[in-house]
C-alpha cells in the first residue's frame, strides 16, 4: 500500500483511491494543480496544470458537459502523482490503470459520462493545447517539431504570468459553476 498525504492532511493511496478520497475534489484540484508545473517544470516561464485545464475549459466555451470534463480531466494528477509526461506514463502501466480507475470513480461521483474523458474531441483538444503550450513555453529546439509529432496547436494560454492565488481562485470559481460544489 502506497500512501501519500494530500493538501488536507489525509493519507491516500493513489493506486487504490476510494470514494472518500474525492471529498472536496475541487479544492484538492485547485490547490495541487495551481502549483504543479506543466512539462515537469522545464519551461521558459511558469505555467501550471490548472492553467492548462482552464484553457481547455475556455476552448469548449458554451458546452458545459465538455467544460466539466475539461476542468476535471487531470483529477488524477491532483490526487498525488503530479503531471507525468505521456511518454513516461506509457512506460508505467500501473499509473495509467490507476488514472483510469480514478477517472471512472470521479465520473460516477460527479455524475459525468466516464467515456467522455476518452472521446476523440477531448483527446484532440488536449493534445492540440499541449502543442500550443509547448511551442509557446518550452525551450526552442530546431530538431524537435511538436506539430509533426503531436498534431496542430489549438487554444490559447490562460493568464500567463498570473499568481498561484489568481489561478486557484479562477479554478475554484469555474469548478463551483460547473459542478455546484467543491
C-alpha atoms as a PDB file:
ATOM      1  CA  UNK A   1       0.000   0.000   0.000  1.00  0.00           C
ATOM      2  CA  UNK A   2       1.492   3.332  -1.112  1.00  0.00           C
ATOM      3  CA  UNK A   3       0.168   6.192   0.959  1.00  0.00           C
ATOM      4  CA  UNK A   4       0.817   9.869   0.454  1.00  0.00           C
ATOM      5  CA  UNK A   5      -0.550  12.860   2.332  1.00  0.00           C
ATOM      6  CA  UNK A   6      -2.762  15.278   0.444  1.00  0.00           C
ATOM      7  CA  UNK A   7      -3.242  19.029   0.978  1.00  0.00           C
ATOM      8  CA  UNK A   8      -5.807  18.418   3.752  1.00  0.00           C
ATOM      9  CA  UNK A   9      -3.528  16.068   5.702  1.00  0.00           C
ATOM     10  CA  UNK A  10      -5.391  12.917   4.661  1.00  0.00           C
ATOM     11  CA  UNK A  11      -3.449   9.788   3.737  1.00  0.00           C
ATOM     12  CA  UNK A  12      -4.478   8.365   0.374  1.00  0.00           C
ATOM     13  CA  UNK A  13      -3.233   5.512  -1.779  1.00  0.00           C
ATOM     14  CA  UNK A  14      -3.003   6.893  -5.345  1.00  0.00           C
ATOM     15  CA  UNK A  15      -3.080   3.345  -6.724  1.00  0.00           C
ATOM     16  CA  UNK A  16      -6.242   2.427  -4.827  1.00  0.00           C
ATOM     17  CA  UNK A  17      -8.340   5.566  -4.417  1.00  0.00           C
ATOM     18  CA  UNK A  18     -11.607   5.387  -2.506  1.00  0.00           C
ATOM     19  CA  UNK A  19     -14.752   7.480  -2.845  1.00  0.00           C
ATOM     20  CA  UNK A  20     -13.930   9.442   0.315  1.00  0.00           C
ATOM     21  CA  UNK A  21     -10.619  10.494  -1.262  1.00  0.00           C
ATOM     22  CA  UNK A  22     -12.670  12.603  -3.680  1.00  0.00           C
ATOM     23  CA  UNK A  23     -14.346  14.663  -0.945  1.00  0.00           C
ATOM     24  CA  UNK A  24     -13.545  18.282  -1.734  1.00  0.00           C
ATOM     25  CA  UNK A  25     -12.107  17.213  -5.094  1.00  0.00           C
ATOM     26  CA  UNK A  26     -12.438  20.768  -6.420  1.00  0.00           C
ATOM     27  CA  UNK A  27     -10.328  22.179  -3.612  1.00  0.00           C
ATOM     28  CA  UNK A  28      -7.833  19.314  -3.954  1.00  0.00           C
ATOM     29  CA  UNK A  29      -7.536  20.014  -7.677  1.00  0.00           C
ATOM     30  CA  UNK A  30      -7.272  23.794  -7.244  1.00  0.00           C
ATOM     31  CA  UNK A  31      -4.601  23.604  -4.545  1.00  0.00           C
ATOM     32  CA  UNK A  32      -2.489  20.978  -6.283  1.00  0.00           C
ATOM     33  CA  UNK A  33      -2.887  21.861  -9.940  1.00  0.00           C
ATOM     34  CA  UNK A  34      -2.267  25.585  -9.367  1.00  0.00           C
ATOM     35  CA  UNK A  35       1.192  24.576  -8.087  1.00  0.00           C
ATOM     36  CA  UNK A  36       2.152  21.712 -10.418  1.00  0.00           C
ATOM     37  CA  UNK A  37       4.005  22.945 -13.497  1.00  0.00           C
ATOM     38  CA  UNK A  38       3.364  21.606 -16.985  1.00  0.00           C
ATOM     39  CA  UNK A  39       6.137  19.643 -18.720  1.00  0.00           C
ATOM     40  CA  UNK A  40       7.830  18.795 -15.391  1.00  0.00           C
ATOM     41  CA  UNK A  41       8.643  22.480 -14.988  1.00  0.00           C
ATOM     42  CA  UNK A  42      11.016  22.512 -17.978  1.00  0.00           C
ATOM     43  CA  UNK A  43       9.508  25.774 -19.258  1.00  0.00           C
ATOM     44  CA  UNK A  44      10.874  29.216 -20.005  1.00  0.00           C
ATOM     45  CA  UNK A  45       8.023  30.672 -17.898  1.00  0.00           C
ATOM     46  CA  UNK A  46       5.843  29.124 -15.177  1.00  0.00           C
ATOM     47  CA  UNK A  47       2.621  27.540 -16.427  1.00  0.00           C
ATOM     48  CA  UNK A  48       0.535  25.209 -14.300  1.00  0.00           C
ATOM     49  CA  UNK A  49      -1.711  22.235 -14.897  1.00  0.00           C
ATOM     50  CA  UNK A  50      -4.605  24.353 -13.539  1.00  0.00           C
ATOM     51  CA  UNK A  51      -3.938  26.937 -16.262  1.00  0.00           C
ATOM     52  CA  UNK A  52      -3.927  24.117 -18.816  1.00  0.00           C
ATOM     53  CA  UNK A  53      -7.310  22.885 -17.528  1.00  0.00           C
ATOM     54  CA  UNK A  54      -8.802  26.394 -17.543  1.00  0.00           C
ATOM     55  CA  UNK A  55      -7.544  26.930 -21.082  1.00  0.00           C
ATOM     56  CA  UNK A  56      -9.272  23.710 -22.133  1.00  0.00           C
ATOM     57  CA  UNK A  57     -12.466  24.931 -20.423  1.00  0.00           C
ATOM     58  CA  UNK A  58     -12.280  28.128 -22.495  1.00  0.00           C
ATOM     59  CA  UNK A  59     -11.727  26.074 -25.652  1.00  0.00           C
ATOM     60  CA  UNK A  60     -15.066  24.330 -25.046  1.00  0.00           C
ATOM     61  CA  UNK A  61     -16.885  27.594 -24.322  1.00  0.00           C
ATOM     62  CA  UNK A  62     -20.636  27.083 -24.435  1.00  0.00           C
ATOM     63  CA  UNK A  63     -20.639  23.316 -23.822  1.00  0.00           C
ATOM     64  CA  UNK A  64     -20.973  22.768 -20.069  1.00  0.00           C
ATOM     65  CA  UNK A  65     -20.558  18.996 -20.277  1.00  0.00           C
ATOM     66  CA  UNK A  66     -17.271  19.272 -22.169  1.00  0.00           C
ATOM     67  CA  UNK A  67     -16.177  22.089 -19.852  1.00  0.00           C
ATOM     68  CA  UNK A  68     -16.805  19.839 -16.827  1.00  0.00           C
ATOM     69  CA  UNK A  69     -14.673  17.126 -18.430  1.00  0.00           C
ATOM     70  CA  UNK A  70     -12.024  19.722 -19.327  1.00  0.00           C
ATOM     71  CA  UNK A  71     -11.611  21.124 -15.819  1.00  0.00           C
ATOM     72  CA  UNK A  72     -11.507  17.668 -14.239  1.00  0.00           C
ATOM     73  CA  UNK A  73      -9.570  15.658 -16.840  1.00  0.00           C
ATOM     74  CA  UNK A  74      -6.366  15.950 -14.769  1.00  0.00           C
ATOM     75  CA  UNK A  75      -8.017  14.962 -11.463  1.00  0.00           C
ATOM     76  CA  UNK A  76      -5.643  12.036 -11.034  1.00  0.00           C
ATOM     77  CA  UNK A  77      -2.686  14.407 -11.223  1.00  0.00           C
ATOM     78  CA  UNK A  78      -4.315  16.392  -8.420  1.00  0.00           C
ATOM     79  CA  UNK A  79      -4.647  13.269  -6.289  1.00  0.00           C
ATOM     80  CA  UNK A  80      -0.942  12.911  -5.780  1.00  0.00           C
ATOM     81  CA  UNK A  81       1.301  11.888  -8.658  1.00  0.00           C
ATOM     82  CA  UNK A  82       1.541  15.215 -10.453  1.00  0.00           C
ATOM     83  CA  UNK A  83       1.995  15.815 -14.163  1.00  0.00           C
ATOM     84  CA  UNK A  84       3.682  12.739 -15.595  1.00  0.00           C
ATOM     85  CA  UNK A  85       4.590  13.275 -19.265  1.00  0.00           C
ATOM     86  CA  UNK A  86       2.810  10.926 -21.667  1.00  0.00           C
ATOM     87  CA  UNK A  87       5.994   9.197 -22.918  1.00  0.00           C
ATOM     88  CA  UNK A  88       6.888   8.322 -19.313  1.00  0.00           C
ATOM     89  CA  UNK A  89       3.317   7.358 -18.382  1.00  0.00           C
ATOM     90  CA  UNK A  90       3.216   4.883 -21.284  1.00  0.00           C
ATOM     91  CA  UNK A  91       6.074   3.019 -19.599  1.00  0.00           C
ATOM     92  CA  UNK A  92       4.203   2.872 -16.288  1.00  0.00           C
ATOM     93  CA  UNK A  93       1.062   0.780 -16.877  1.00  0.00           C
ATOM     94  CA  UNK A  94       0.221   0.730 -13.160  1.00  0.00           C
ATOM     95  CA  UNK A  95      -0.031   4.535 -13.199  1.00  0.00           C
ATOM     96  CA  UNK A  96      -2.200   4.519 -16.345  1.00  0.00           C
ATOM     97  CA  UNK A  97      -4.524   1.892 -14.821  1.00  0.00           C
ATOM     98  CA  UNK A  98      -4.818   3.853 -11.571  1.00  0.00           C
ATOM     99  CA  UNK A  99      -5.550   7.015 -13.554  1.00  0.00           C
ATOM    100  CA  UNK A 100      -8.340   5.292 -15.498  1.00  0.00           C
ATOM    101  CA  UNK A 101      -9.846   3.934 -12.266  1.00  0.00           C
ATOM    102  CA  UNK A 102      -9.693   7.410 -10.713  1.00  0.00           C
ATOM    103  CA  UNK A 103     -11.419   8.991 -13.723  1.00  0.00           C
ATOM    104  CA  UNK A 104     -14.109   6.319 -13.620  1.00  0.00           C
ATOM    105  CA  UNK A 105     -14.728   6.846  -9.904  1.00  0.00           C
ATOM    106  CA  UNK A 106     -14.703  10.630 -10.275  1.00  0.00           C
ATOM    107  CA  UNK A 107     -17.168  10.449 -13.180  1.00  0.00           C
ATOM    108  CA  UNK A 108     -19.529   8.317 -11.101  1.00  0.00           C
ATOM    109  CA  UNK A 109     -19.335  10.636  -8.086  1.00  0.00           C
ATOM    110  CA  UNK A 110     -19.789  13.784 -10.180  1.00  0.00           C
ATOM    111  CA  UNK A 111     -22.429  12.287 -12.494  1.00  0.00           C
ATOM    112  CA  UNK A 112     -20.361  12.517 -15.650  1.00  0.00           C
ATOM    113  CA  UNK A 113     -20.143  10.033 -18.502  1.00  0.00           C
ATOM    114  CA  UNK A 114     -16.791   8.271 -17.909  1.00  0.00           C
ATOM    115  CA  UNK A 115     -16.464   7.562 -21.633  1.00  0.00           C
ATOM    116  CA  UNK A 116     -16.383  11.308 -22.384  1.00  0.00           C
ATOM    117  CA  UNK A 117     -12.899  11.509 -20.815  1.00  0.00           C
ATOM    118  CA  UNK A 118     -11.691   9.236 -23.622  1.00  0.00           C
ATOM    119  CA  UNK A 119     -13.623  10.702 -26.565  1.00  0.00           C
ATOM    120  CA  UNK A 120     -11.674  11.954 -29.547  1.00  0.00           C
ATOM    121  CA  UNK A 121     -12.896  15.554 -29.143  1.00  0.00           C
ATOM    122  CA  UNK A 122     -11.324  15.755 -25.667  1.00  0.00           C
ATOM    123  CA  UNK A 123      -8.134  13.923 -26.621  1.00  0.00           C
ATOM    124  CA  UNK A 124      -7.623  16.008 -29.770  1.00  0.00           C
ATOM    125  CA  UNK A 125      -8.212  19.315 -27.949  1.00  0.00           C
ATOM    126  CA  UNK A 126      -5.988  18.287 -25.016  1.00  0.00           C
ATOM    127  CA  UNK A 127      -3.181  17.247 -27.388  1.00  0.00           C
ATOM    128  CA  UNK A 128      -3.579  20.396 -29.522  1.00  0.00           C
ATOM    129  CA  UNK A 129      -3.436  22.534 -26.398  1.00  0.00           C
ATOM    130  CA  UNK A 130      -0.279  20.715 -25.311  1.00  0.00           C
ATOM    131  CA  UNK A 131       1.325  21.503 -28.684  1.00  0.00           C
ATOM    132  CA  UNK A 132       0.384  25.190 -28.375  1.00  0.00           C
ATOM    133  CA  UNK A 133       1.768  25.325 -24.806  1.00  0.00           C
ATOM    134  CA  UNK A 134       4.981  23.556 -25.811  1.00  0.00           C
ATOM    135  CA  UNK A 135       5.605  25.842 -28.778  1.00  0.00           C
ATOM    136  CA  UNK A 136       4.984  28.921 -26.629  1.00  0.00           C
ATOM    137  CA  UNK A 137       6.751  27.872 -23.435  1.00  0.00           C
ATOM    138  CA  UNK A 138       9.288  25.095 -23.975  1.00  0.00           C
ATOM    139  CA  UNK A 139      12.911  25.850 -24.851  1.00  0.00           C
ATOM    140  CA  UNK A 140      13.392  26.191 -28.605  1.00  0.00           C
ATOM    141  CA  UNK A 141      14.908  23.133 -30.261  1.00  0.00           C
ATOM    142  CA  UNK A 142      15.060  23.265 -34.074  1.00  0.00           C
ATOM    143  CA  UNK A 143      15.456  19.491 -34.314  1.00  0.00           C
ATOM    144  CA  UNK A 144      12.155  18.827 -32.483  1.00  0.00           C
ATOM    145  CA  UNK A 145       8.895  19.513 -34.314  1.00  0.00           C
ATOM    146  CA  UNK A 146       5.931  19.453 -31.909  1.00  0.00           C
ATOM    147  CA  UNK A 147       3.323  19.685 -34.674  1.00  0.00           C
ATOM    148  CA  UNK A 148       4.863  16.873 -36.694  1.00  0.00           C
ATOM    149  CA  UNK A 149       4.973  14.652 -33.620  1.00  0.00           C
ATOM    150  CA  UNK A 150       1.612  15.531 -31.994  1.00  0.00           C
ATOM    151  CA  UNK A 151      -0.561  17.494 -34.434  1.00  0.00           C
ATOM    152  CA  UNK A 152      -1.829  21.039 -34.838  1.00  0.00           C
ATOM    153  CA  UNK A 153      -1.902  23.520 -31.957  1.00  0.00           C
ATOM    154  CA  UNK A 154      -5.238  24.810 -30.631  1.00  0.00           C
ATOM    155  CA  UNK A 155      -6.395  27.257 -27.975  1.00  0.00           C
ATOM    156  CA  UNK A 156      -4.511  29.952 -26.135  1.00  0.00           C
ATOM    157  CA  UNK A 157      -2.509  30.279 -22.939  1.00  0.00           C
ATOM    158  CA  UNK A 158      -4.558  31.017 -19.833  1.00  0.00           C
ATOM    159  CA  UNK A 159      -3.397  34.117 -17.960  1.00  0.00           C
ATOM    160  CA  UNK A 160       0.335  33.715 -18.448  1.00  0.00           C
ATOM    161  CA  UNK A 161       2.113  35.381 -15.524  1.00  0.00           C
ATOM    162  CA  UNK A 162      -0.843  35.089 -13.124  1.00  0.00           C
ATOM    163  CA  UNK A 163      -0.106  34.275  -9.497  1.00  0.00           C
ATOM    164  CA  UNK A 164      -0.855  30.943  -7.869  1.00  0.00           C
ATOM    165  CA  UNK A 165      -3.663  32.602  -5.877  1.00  0.00           C
ATOM    166  CA  UNK A 166      -5.273  34.060  -9.017  1.00  0.00           C
ATOM    167  CA  UNK A 167      -5.206  30.700 -10.771  1.00  0.00           C
ATOM    168  CA  UNK A 168      -6.517  28.863  -7.711  1.00  0.00           C
ATOM    169  CA  UNK A 169      -9.387  31.365  -7.367  1.00  0.00           C
ATOM    170  CA  UNK A 170     -10.300  31.115 -11.073  1.00  0.00           C
ATOM    171  CA  UNK A 171     -10.179  27.325 -10.883  1.00  0.00           C
ATOM    172  CA  UNK A 172     -12.409  27.178  -7.790  1.00  0.00           C
ATOM    173  CA  UNK A 173     -14.960  29.598  -9.257  1.00  0.00           C
ATOM    174  CA  UNK A 174     -15.179  27.637 -12.507  1.00  0.00           C
ATOM    175  CA  UNK A 175     -15.368  24.299 -10.661  1.00  0.00           C
ATOM    176  CA  UNK A 176     -18.197  25.647  -8.469  1.00  0.00           C
ATOM    177  CA  UNK A 177     -20.013  26.956 -11.543  1.00  0.00           C
ATOM    178  CA  UNK A 178     -19.733  23.635 -13.378  1.00  0.00           C
ATOM    179  CA  UNK A 179     -20.370  21.209 -10.507  1.00  0.00           C
ATOM    180  CA  UNK A 180     -22.249  23.280  -7.914  1.00  0.00           C
ATOM    181  CA  UNK A 181     -19.850  22.100  -5.196  1.00  0.00           C
ATOM    182  CA  UNK A 182     -16.182  21.895  -4.365  1.00  0.00           C
END
